[in-house]
Amino acid sequence: AVGLASVGEGEVVWYVQFDRRAHPMPEDEADAKERFARRLLRGWP
């Protein structure tokens, strides 16, 4: 699942919730996290 919220000051917090057993967790590096988000949410609106 993916959630979005406006938190004031024009800022937005968005988060991806995932079951690690179905979607193995990425390395804790910026490029890995970006690739993970792109792969997991490909085709989402």
All heavy atoms as atom14 arrays in JSON, in Angstrom:
{
  "sequence": "AVGLASVGEGEVVWYVQFDRRAHPMPEDEADAKERFARRLLRGWP",
  "atom14_mask": [
    [1, 1, 1, 1, 1, 0, 0, 0, 0, 0, 0, 0, 0, 0],
    [1, 1, 1, 1, 1, 1, 1, 0, 0, 0, 0, 0, 0, 0],
    [1, 1, 1, 1, 0, 0, 0, 0, 0, 0, 0, 0, 0, 0],
    [1, 1, 1, 1, 1, 1, 1, 1, 0, 0, 0, 0, 0, 0],
    [1, 1, 1, 1, 1, 0, 0, 0, 0, 0, 0, 0, 0, 0],
    [1, 1, 1, 1, 1, 1, 0, 0, 0, 0, 0, 0, 0, 0],
    [1, 1, 1, 1, 1, 1, 1, 0, 0, 0, 0, 0, 0, 0],
    [1, 1, 1, 1, 0, 0, 0, 0, 0, 0, 0, 0, 0, 0],
    [1, 1, 1, 1, 1, 1, 1, 1, 1, 0, 0, 0, 0, 0],
    [1, 1, 1, 1, 0, 0, 0, 0, 0, 0, 0, 0, 0, 0],
    [1, 1, 1, 1, 1, 1, 1, 1, 1, 0, 0, 0, 0, 0],
    [1, 1, 1, 1, 1, 1, 1, 0, 0, 0, 0, 0, 0, 0],
    [1, 1, 1, 1, 1, 1, 1, 0, 0, 0, 0, 0, 0, 0],
    [1, 1, 1, 1, 1, 1, 1, 1, 1, 1, 1, 1, 1, 1],
    [1, 1, 1, 1, 1, 1, 1, 1, 1, 1, 1, 1, 0, 0],
    [1, 1, 1, 1, 1, 1, 1, 0, 0, 0, 0, 0, 0, 0],
    [1, 1, 1, 1, 1, 1, 1, 1, 1, 0, 0, 0, 0, 0],
    [1, 1, 1, 1, 1, 1, 1, 1, 1, 1, 1, 0, 0, 0],
    [1, 1, 1, 1, 1, 1, 1, 1, 0, 0, 0, 0, 0, 0],
    [1, 1, 1, 1, 1, 1, 1, 1, 1, 1, 1, 0, 0, 0],
    [1, 1, 1, 1, 1, 1, 1, 1, 1, 1, 1, 0, 0, 0],
    [1, 1, 1, 1, 1, 0, 0, 0, 0, 0, 0, 0, 0, 0],
    [1, 1, 1, 1, 1, 1, 1, 1, 1, 1, 0, 0, 0, 0],
    [1, 1, 1, 1, 1, 1, 1, 0, 0, 0, 0, 0, 0, 0],
    [1, 1, 1, 1, 1, 1, 1, 1, 0, 0, 0, 0, 0, 0],
    [1, 1, 1, 1, 1, 1, 1, 0, 0, 0, 0, 0, 0, 0],
    [1, 1, 1, 1, 1, 1, 1, 1, 1, 0, 0, 0, 0, 0],
    [1, 1, 1, 1, 1, 1, 1, 1, 0, 0, 0, 0, 0, 0],
    [1, 1, 1, 1, 1, 1, 1, 1, 1, 0, 0, 0, 0, 0],
    [1, 1, 1, 1, 1, 0, 0, 0, 0, 0, 0, 0, 0, 0],
    [1, 1, 1, 1, 1, 1, 1, 1, 0, 0, 0, 0, 0, 0],
    [1, 1, 1, 1, 1, 0, 0, 0, 0, 0, 0, 0, 0, 0],
    [1, 1, 1, 1, 1, 1, 1, 1, 1, 0, 0, 0, 0, 0],
    [1, 1, 1, 1, 1, 1, 1, 1, 1, 0, 0, 0, 0, 0],
    [1, 1, 1, 1, 1, 1, 1, 1, 1, 1, 1, 0, 0, 0],
    [1, 1, 1, 1, 1, 1, 1, 1, 1, 1, 1, 0, 0, 0],
    [1, 1, 1, 1, 1, 0, 0, 0, 0, 0, 0, 0, 0, 0],
    [1, 1, 1, 1, 1, 1, 1, 1, 1, 1, 1, 0, 0, 0],
    [1, 1, 1, 1, 1, 1, 1, 1, 1, 1, 1, 0, 0, 0],
    [1, 1, 1, 1, 1, 1, 1, 1, 0, 0, 0, 0, 0, 0],
    [1, 1, 1, 1, 1, 1, 1, 1, 0, 0, 0, 0, 0, 0],
    [1, 1, 1, 1, 1, 1, 1, 1, 1, 1, 1, 0, 0, 0],
    [1, 1, 1, 1, 0, 0, 0, 0, 0, 0, 0, 0, 0, 0],
    [1, 1, 1, 1, 1, 1, 1, 1, 1, 1, 1, 1, 1, 1],
    [1, 1, 1, 1, 1, 1, 1, 0, 0, 0, 0, 0, 0, 0]
  ],
  "atom14_positions": [
    [[0.85, -1.19, 0.0], [0.0, 0.0, 0.0], [0.88, 1.24, 0.0], [2.06, 1.19, 0.39], [-0.92, 0.01, 1.21], [0.0, 0.0, 0.0], [0.0, 0.0, 0.0], [0.0, 0.0, 0.0], [0.0, 0.0, 0.0], [0.0, 0.0, 0.0], [0.0, 0.0, 0.0], [0.0, 0.0, 0.0], [0.0, 0.0, 0.0], [0.0, 0.0, 0.0]],
    [[0.31, 2.35, -0.45], [1.01, 3.63, -0.47], [0.07, 4.69, 0.11], [-1.09, 4.79, -0.3], [1.4, 4.06, -1.91], [2.2, 5.35, -1.87], [2.2, 2.96, -2.59], [0.0, 0.0, 0.0], [0.0, 0.0, 0.0], [0.0, 0.0, 0.0], [0.0, 0.0, 0.0], [0.0, 0.0, 0.0], [0.0, 0.0, 0.0], [0.0, 0.0, 0.0]],
    [[0.57, 5.47, 1.06], [-0.22, 6.54, 1.65], [0.4, 7.9, 1.4], [1.63, 8.02, 1.26], [0.0, 0.0, 0.0], [0.0, 0.0, 0.0], [0.0, 0.0, 0.0], [0.0, 0.0, 0.0], [0.0, 0.0, 0.0], [0.0, 0.0, 0.0], [0.0, 0.0, 0.0], [0.0, 0.0, 0.0], [0.0, 0.0, 0.0], [0.0, 0.0, 0.0]],
    [[-0.45, 8.92, 1.33], [0.0, 10.29, 1.1], [-0.73, 11.22, 2.07], [-1.92, 11.04, 2.33], [-0.31, 10.78, -0.32], [0.29, 10.1, -1.52], [-0.48, 8.86, -1.92], [0.31, 11.07, -2.7], [0.0, 0.0, 0.0], [0.0, 0.0, 0.0], [0.0, 0.0, 0.0], [0.0, 0.0, 0.0], [0.0, 0.0, 0.0], [0.0, 0.0, 0.0]],
    [[-0.02, 12.23, 2.56], [-0.65, 13.24, 3.41], [0.08, 14.56, 3.26], [1.32, 14.6, 3.2], [-0.64, 12.8, 4.87], [0.0, 0.0, 0.0], [0.0, 0.0, 0.0], [0.0, 0.0, 0.0], [0.0, 0.0, 0.0], [0.0, 0.0, 0.0], [0.0, 0.0, 0.0], [0.0, 0.0, 0.0], [0.0, 0.0, 0.0], [0.0, 0.0, 0.0]],
    [[-0.68, 15.63, 3.2], [-0.12, 16.96, 3.32], [0.12, 17.23, 4.8], [-0.73, 16.93, 5.64], [-1.09, 18.0, 2.75], [-0.67, 19.31, 3.07], [0.0, 0.0, 0.0], [0.0, 0.0, 0.0], [0.0, 0.0, 0.0], [0.0, 0.0, 0.0], [0.0, 0.0, 0.0], [0.0, 0.0, 0.0], [0.0, 0.0, 0.0], [0.0, 0.0, 0.0]],
    [[1.3, 17.77, 5.14], [1.66, 17.98, 6.55], [1.95, 19.44, 6.87], [2.54, 19.76, 7.89], [2.86, 17.09, 6.94], [2.47, 15.63, 7.0], [4.04, 17.29, 5.97], [0.0, 0.0, 0.0], [0.0, 0.0, 0.0], [0.0, 0.0, 0.0], [0.0, 0.0, 0.0], [0.0, 0.0, 0.0], [0.0, 0.0, 0.0], [0.0, 0.0, 0.0]],
    [[1.5, 20.34, 5.99], [1.73, 21.76, 6.23], [2.99, 22.27, 5.56], [3.88, 21.49, 5.18], [0.0, 0.0, 0.0], [0.0, 0.0, 0.0], [0.0, 0.0, 0.0], [0.0, 0.0, 0.0], [0.0, 0.0, 0.0], [0.0, 0.0, 0.0], [0.0, 0.0, 0.0], [0.0, 0.0, 0.0], [0.0, 0.0, 0.0], [0.0, 0.0, 0.0]],
    [[3.05, 23.59, 5.35], [4.22, 24.23, 4.76], [4.5, 23.75, 3.35], [5.64, 23.82, 2.87], [5.47, 24.02, 5.64], [5.33, 24.49, 7.06], [6.55, 24.18, 7.91], [7.6, 23.78, 7.36], [6.45, 24.35, 9.14], [0.0, 0.0, 0.0], [0.0, 0.0, 0.0], [0.0, 0.0, 0.0], [0.0, 0.0, 0.0], [0.0, 0.0, 0.0]],
    [[3.48, 23.24, 2.65], [3.67, 22.72, 1.3], [4.41, 21.41, 1.24], [4.78, 20.94, 0.16], [0.0, 0.0, 0.0], [0.0, 0.0, 0.0], [0.0, 0.0, 0.0], [0.0, 0.0, 0.0], [0.0, 0.0, 0.0], [0.0, 0.0, 0.0], [0.0, 0.0, 0.0], [0.0, 0.0, 0.0], [0.0, 0.0, 0.0], [0.0, 0.0, 0.0]],
    [[4.59, 20.76, 2.4], [5.3, 19.49, 2.47], [4.32, 18.33, 2.34], [3.17, 18.4, 2.8], [6.06, 19.37, 3.79], [7.13, 20.42, 4.0], [8.37, 20.16, 3.15], [8.74, 18.99, 2.98], [8.96, 21.14, 2.66], [0.0, 0.0, 0.0], [0.0, 0.0, 0.0], [0.0, 0.0, 0.0], [0.0, 0.0, 0.0], [0.0, 0.0, 0.0]],
    [[4.8, 17.26, 1.74], [4.01, 16.03, 1.6], [4.84, 14.87, 2.13], [6.04, 14.75, 1.81], [3.63, 15.78, 0.12], [2.99, 14.4, -0.05], [2.67, 16.86, -0.38], [0.0, 0.0, 0.0], [0.0, 0.0, 0.0], [0.0, 0.0, 0.0], [0.0, 0.0, 0.0], [0.0, 0.0, 0.0], [0.0, 0.0, 0.0], [0.0, 0.0, 0.0]],
    [[4.23, 14.06, 2.96], [4.83, 12.8, 3.38], [4.12, 11.68, 2.63], [2.89, 11.64, 2.57], [4.7, 12.59, 4.9], [5.11, 11.17, 5.29], [5.57, 13.6, 5.65], [0.0, 0.0, 0.0], [0.0, 0.0, 0.0], [0.0, 0.0, 0.0], [0.0, 0.0, 0.0], [0.0, 0.0, 0.0], [0.0, 0.0, 0.0], [0.0, 0.0, 0.0]],
    [[4.91, 10.8, 2.01], [4.32, 9.63, 1.36], [5.14, 8.41, 1.74], [6.33, 8.5, 1.97], [4.21, 9.81, -0.15], [5.49, 9.83, -0.94], [6.37, 10.86, -1.08], [6.01, 8.76, -1.72], [7.41, 10.51, -1.89], [7.22, 9.22, -2.31], [5.58, 7.46, -2.0], [8.0, 8.42, -3.14], [6.36, 6.66, -2.83], [7.54, 7.15, -3.39]],
    [[4.46, 7.29, 1.85], [5.13, 6.1, 2.37], [4.61, 4.86, 1.67], [3.45, 4.79, 1.25], [4.89, 5.98, 3.89], [3.43, 6.04, 4.28], [2.67, 4.88, 4.37], [2.82, 7.26, 4.53], [1.33, 4.93, 4.71], [1.47, 7.32, 4.87], [0.74, 6.16, 4.96], [-0.6, 6.22, 5.28], [0.0, 0.0, 0.0], [0.0, 0.0, 0.0]],
    [[5.51, 3.9, 1.51], [5.18, 2.6, 0.92], [5.2, 1.58, 2.05], [6.23, 1.41, 2.71], [6.19, 2.2, -0.17], [5.77, 0.88, -0.81], [6.33, 3.29, -1.22], [0.0, 0.0, 0.0], [0.0, 0.0, 0.0], [0.0, 0.0, 0.0], [0.0, 0.0, 0.0], [0.0, 0.0, 0.0], [0.0, 0.0, 0.0], [0.0, 0.0, 0.0]],
    [[4.09, 0.91, 2.27], [4.01, -0.18, 3.24], [4.06, -1.49, 2.49], [3.31, -1.69, 1.53], [2.71, -0.09, 4.04], [2.6, 1.16, 4.89], [1.21, 1.37, 5.47], [0.23, 0.9, 4.9], [1.13, 2.08, 6.57], [0.0, 0.0, 0.0], [0.0, 0.0, 0.0], [0.0, 0.0, 0.0], [0.0, 0.0, 0.0], [0.0, 0.0, 0.0]],
    [[4.95, -2.41, 2.9], [5.07, -3.67, 2.16], [5.41, -4.82, 3.1], [6.06, -4.64, 4.13], [6.11, -3.55, 1.05], [7.5, -3.19, 1.52], [8.46, -4.17, 1.72], [7.87, -1.86, 1.73], [9.75, -3.85, 2.13], [9.15, -1.53, 2.14], [10.09, -2.52, 2.35], [0.0, 0.0, 0.0], [0.0, 0.0, 0.0], [0.0, 0.0, 0.0]],
    [[4.92, -5.99, 2.72], [5.21, -7.23, 3.42], [6.55, -7.74, 2.9], [6.68, -8.09, 1.72], [4.09, -8.23, 3.15], [4.23, -9.52, 3.96], [5.36, -9.88, 4.33], [3.2, -10.18, 4.19], [0.0, 0.0, 0.0], [0.0, 0.0, 0.0], [0.0, 0.0, 0.0], [0.0, 0.0, 0.0], [0.0, 0.0, 0.0], [0.0, 0.0, 0.0]],
    [[7.56, -7.77, 3.76], [8.91, -8.16, 3.34], [8.96, -9.59, 2.82], [9.88, -9.95, 2.07], [9.89, -8.03, 4.51], [10.12, -6.63, 4.99], [11.28, -6.58, 5.98], [11.1, -7.47, 7.11], [10.39, -7.19, 8.19], [9.74, -6.04, 8.26], [10.3, -8.03, 9.19], [0.0, 0.0, 0.0], [0.0, 0.0, 0.0], [0.0, 0.0, 0.0]],
    [[8.04, -10.43, 3.21], [8.06, -11.82, 2.76], [7.69, -11.92, 1.28], [8.11, -12.85, 0.59], [7.11, -12.65, 3.62], [7.5, -12.68, 5.1], [6.42, -13.31, 5.95], [5.14, -12.61, 5.8], [4.01, -13.02, 6.39], [4.02, -14.09, 7.15], [2.89, -12.35, 6.22], [0.0, 0.0, 0.0], [0.0, 0.0, 0.0], [0.0, 0.0, 0.0]],
    [[6.91, -10.96, 0.81], [6.54, -10.94, -0.6], [7.39, -9.96, -1.4], [7.6, -10.14, -2.61], [5.06, -10.56, -0.75], [0.0, 0.0, 0.0], [0.0, 0.0, 0.0], [0.0, 0.0, 0.0], [0.0, 0.0, 0.0], [0.0, 0.0, 0.0], [0.0, 0.0, 0.0], [0.0, 0.0, 0.0], [0.0, 0.0, 0.0], [0.0, 0.0, 0.0]],
    [[7.91, -8.92, -0.73], [8.69, -7.88, -1.39], [9.95, -7.63, -0.57], [9.95, -6.79, 0.34], [7.87, -6.58, -1.5], [6.51, -6.77, -2.09], [6.31, -7.02, -3.42], [5.28, -6.75, -1.5], [5.0, -7.13, -3.65], [4.37, -6.98, -2.5], [0.0, 0.0, 0.0], [0.0, 0.0, 0.0], [0.0, 0.0, 0.0], [0.0, 0.0, 0.0]],
    [[11.02, -8.37, -0.85], [12.23, -8.25, -0.04], [12.72, -6.81, 0.07], [12.7, -6.07, -0.9], [13.24, -9.13, -0.79], [12.38, -10.13, -1.5], [11.14, -9.38, -1.9], [0.0, 0.0, 0.0], [0.0, 0.0, 0.0], [0.0, 0.0, 0.0], [0.0, 0.0, 0.0], [0.0, 0.0, 0.0], [0.0, 0.0, 0.0], [0.0, 0.0, 0.0]],
    [[13.16, -6.46, 1.25], [13.56, -5.09, 1.54], [14.82, -4.7, 0.78], [15.76, -5.48, 0.69], [13.79, -4.93, 3.05], [13.95, -3.5, 3.5], [13.69, -3.32, 5.3], [14.97, -4.38, 5.96], [0.0, 0.0, 0.0], [0.0, 0.0, 0.0], [0.0, 0.0, 0.0], [0.0, 0.0, 0.0], [0.0, 0.0, 0.0], [0.0, 0.0, 0.0]],
    [[14.87, -3.46, 0.25], [16.07, -3.03, -0.49], [17.2, -2.66, 0.46], [17.0, -2.53, 1.68], [15.57, -1.79, -1.22], [14.53, -1.21, -0.31], [13.83, -2.42, 0.28], [0.0, 0.0, 0.0], [0.0, 0.0, 0.0], [0.0, 0.0, 0.0], [0.0, 0.0, 0.0], [0.0, 0.0, 0.0], [0.0, 0.0, 0.0], [0.0, 0.0, 0.0]],
    [[18.38, -2.5, -0.1], [19.49, -1.96, 0.68], [19.16, -0.53, 1.1], [18.4, 0.17, 0.42], [20.78, -1.96, -0.17], [21.27, -3.34, -0.54], [21.73, -4.14, 0.65], [22.31, -3.54, 1.58], [21.5, -5.37, 0.67], [0.0, 0.0, 0.0], [0.0, 0.0, 0.0], [0.0, 0.0, 0.0], [0.0, 0.0, 0.0], [0.0, 0.0, 0.0]],
    [[19.74, -0.13, 2.23], [19.45, 1.2, 2.76], [20.35, 2.25, 2.09], [21.15, 2.93, 2.74], [19.63, 1.21, 4.27], [19.06, 2.48, 4.91], [18.35, 3.22, 4.21], [19.34, 2.72, 6.09], [0.0, 0.0, 0.0], [0.0, 0.0, 0.0], [0.0, 0.0, 0.0], [0.0, 0.0, 0.0], [0.0, 0.0, 0.0], [0.0, 0.0, 0.0]],
    [[20.23, 2.35, 0.78], [20.97, 3.34, -0.01], [19.99, 4.03, -0.93], [18.99, 3.45, -1.38], [22.06, 2.66, -0.84], [23.12, 1.97, 0.01], [24.12, 1.21, -0.84], [23.91, 1.14, -2.09], [25.09, 0.68, -0.28], [0.0, 0.0, 0.0], [0.0, 0.0, 0.0], [0.0, 0.0, 0.0], [0.0, 0.0, 0.0], [0.0, 0.0, 0.0]],
    [[20.25, 5.3, -1.23], [19.3, 6.11, -1.99], [18.93, 5.45, -3.32], [17.74, 5.33, -3.66], [19.86, 7.51, -2.23], [0.0, 0.0, 0.0], [0.0, 0.0, 0.0], [0.0, 0.0, 0.0], [0.0, 0.0, 0.0], [0.0, 0.0, 0.0], [0.0, 0.0, 0.0], [0.0, 0.0, 0.0], [0.0, 0.0, 0.0], [0.0, 0.0, 0.0]],
    [[19.92, 5.0, -4.1], [19.63, 4.41, -5.4], [18.81, 3.14, -5.26], [17.88, 2.9, -6.05], [20.94, 4.1, -6.15], [21.64, 5.37, -6.62], [21.01, 6.44, -6.59], [22.81, 5.27, -7.03], [0.0, 0.0, 0.0], [0.0, 0.0, 0.0], [0.0, 0.0, 0.0], [0.0, 0.0, 0.0], [0.0, 0.0, 0.0], [0.0, 0.0, 0.0]],
    [[19.13, 2.33, -4.27], [18.39, 1.08, -4.08], [16.95, 1.35, -3.68], [16.02, 0.67, -4.15], [19.09, 0.22, -3.02], [0.0, 0.0, 0.0], [0.0, 0.0, 0.0], [0.0, 0.0, 0.0], [0.0, 0.0, 0.0], [0.0, 0.0, 0.0], [0.0, 0.0, 0.0], [0.0, 0.0, 0.0], [0.0, 0.0, 0.0], [0.0, 0.0, 0.0]],
    [[16.73, 2.33, -2.83], [15.37, 2.66, -2.4], [14.56, 3.23, -3.57], [13.38, 2.91, -3.72], [15.41, 3.64, -1.23], [15.89, 3.0, 0.06], [15.92, 3.95, 1.22], [17.05, 4.94, 1.14], [17.23, 5.71, 2.39], [0.0, 0.0, 0.0], [0.0, 0.0, 0.0], [0.0, 0.0, 0.0], [0.0, 0.0, 0.0], [0.0, 0.0, 0.0]],
    [[15.2, 4.02, -4.4], [14.49, 4.56, -5.57], [14.13, 3.45, -6.55], [12.99, 3.39, -7.06], [15.32, 5.63, -6.26], [14.62, 6.24, -7.46], [15.4, 7.38, -8.09], [16.48, 7.74, -7.58], [14.92, 7.91, -9.11], [0.0, 0.0, 0.0], [0.0, 0.0, 0.0], [0.0, 0.0, 0.0], [0.0, 0.0, 0.0], [0.0, 0.0, 0.0]],
    [[15.07, 2.56, -6.83], [14.78, 1.45, -7.74], [13.66, 0.57, -7.19], [12.79, 0.11, -7.93], [16.05, 0.6, -7.97], [17.1, 1.27, -8.84], [18.14, 0.25, -9.28], [18.8, -0.4, -8.16], [19.9, 0.06, -7.57], [20.46, 1.19, -8.0], [20.45, -0.6, -6.56], [0.0, 0.0, 0.0], [0.0, 0.0, 0.0], [0.0, 0.0, 0.0]],
    [[13.69, 0.36, -5.89], [12.66, -0.45, -5.24], [11.29, 0.19, -5.42], [10.31, -0.49, -5.79], [13.0, -0.57, -3.75], [12.02, -1.34, -2.93], [11.98, -2.72, -2.97], [11.13, -0.67, -2.09], [11.08, -3.44, -2.19], [10.23, -1.38, -1.32], [10.2, -2.76, -1.37], [0.0, 0.0, 0.0], [0.0, 0.0, 0.0], [0.0, 0.0, 0.0]],
    [[11.19, 1.5, -5.16], [9.9, 2.19, -5.31], [9.43, 2.16, -6.75], [8.25, 1.92, -7.02], [10.03, 3.64, -4.82], [0.0, 0.0, 0.0], [0.0, 0.0, 0.0], [0.0, 0.0, 0.0], [0.0, 0.0, 0.0], [0.0, 0.0, 0.0], [0.0, 0.0, 0.0], [0.0, 0.0, 0.0], [0.0, 0.0, 0.0], [0.0, 0.0, 0.0]],
    [[10.34, 2.38, -7.7], [9.95, 2.36, -9.11], [9.46, 0.97, -9.53], [8.45, 0.84, -10.24], [11.13, 2.78, -9.99], [11.47, 4.26, -9.89], [12.55, 4.65, -10.89], [12.93, 6.04, -10.76], [12.23, 7.05, -11.28], [11.11, 6.8, -11.96], [12.63, 8.29, -11.13], [0.0, 0.0, 0.0], [0.0, 0.0, 0.0], [0.0, 0.0, 0.0]],
    [[10.14, -0.05, -9.08], [9.76, -1.41, -9.47], [8.42, -1.79, -8.84], [7.52, -2.31, -9.51], [10.84, -2.4, -9.04], [10.47, -3.87, -9.32], [11.6, -4.8, -8.92], [11.93, -4.71, -7.51], [11.24, -5.29, -6.53], [10.14, -5.98, -6.82], [11.62, -5.17, -5.28], [0.0, 0.0, 0.0], [0.0, 0.0, 0.0], [0.0, 0.0, 0.0]],
    [[8.27, -1.49, -7.56], [7.08, -1.91, -6.85], [5.83, -1.17, -7.34], [4.74, -1.75, -7.37], [7.27, -1.66, -5.35], [6.84, -2.76, -4.39], [7.49, -4.08, -4.71], [7.16, -2.35, -2.96], [0.0, 0.0, 0.0], [0.0, 0.0, 0.0], [0.0, 0.0, 0.0], [0.0, 0.0, 0.0], [0.0, 0.0, 0.0], [0.0, 0.0, 0.0]],
    [[6.0, 0.09, -7.74], [4.85, 0.92, -8.07], [4.75, 1.2, -9.57], [4.05, 2.14, -9.97], [4.92, 2.24, -7.28], [5.05, 2.09, -5.76], [5.13, 3.43, -5.09], [3.88, 1.28, -5.19], [0.0, 0.0, 0.0], [0.0, 0.0, 0.0], [0.0, 0.0, 0.0], [0.0, 0.0, 0.0], [0.0, 0.0, 0.0], [0.0, 0.0, 0.0]],
    [[5.4, 0.39, -10.37], [5.31, 0.56, -11.82], [3.85, 0.38, -12.26], [3.19, -0.6, -11.93], [6.2, -0.45, -12.53], [6.23, -0.26, -14.06], [7.21, -1.21, -14.72], [8.58, -0.92, -14.33], [9.36, -1.73, -13.62], [8.88, -2.91, -13.23], [10.59, -1.39, -13.31], [0.0, 0.0, 0.0], [0.0, 0.0, 0.0], [0.0, 0.0, 0.0]],
    [[3.33, 1.38, -12.99], [1.97, 1.31, -13.48], [0.93, 1.87, -12.53], [-0.25, 1.97, -12.89], [0.0, 0.0, 0.0], [0.0, 0.0, 0.0], [0.0, 0.0, 0.0], [0.0, 0.0, 0.0], [0.0, 0.0, 0.0], [0.0, 0.0, 0.0], [0.0, 0.0, 0.0], [0.0, 0.0, 0.0], [0.0, 0.0, 0.0], [0.0, 0.0, 0.0]],
    [[1.33, 2.25, -11.31], [0.38, 2.85, -10.38], [0.1, 4.29, -10.81], [0.91, 4.92, -11.49], [0.93, 2.8, -8.96], [0.95, 1.41, -8.36], [1.38, 0.27, -8.98], [0.54, 1.02, -7.05], [1.27, -0.81, -8.13], [0.76, -0.38, -6.93], [0.04, 1.7, -5.96], [0.47, -1.09, -5.77], [-0.25, 1.0, -4.79], [-0.04, -0.37, -4.7]],
    [[-1.04, 4.87, -10.43], [-1.47, 6.16, -10.98], [-0.76, 7.36, -10.37], [-0.1, 7.26, -9.33], [-2.96, 6.18, -10.66], [-3.08, 5.36, -9.42], [-2.06, 4.26, -9.56], [0.0, 0.0, 0.0], [0.0, 0.0, 0.0], [0.0, 0.0, 0.0], [0.0, 0.0, 0.0], [0.0, 0.0, 0.0], [0.0, 0.0, 0.0], [0.0, 0.0, 0.0]]
  ]
}
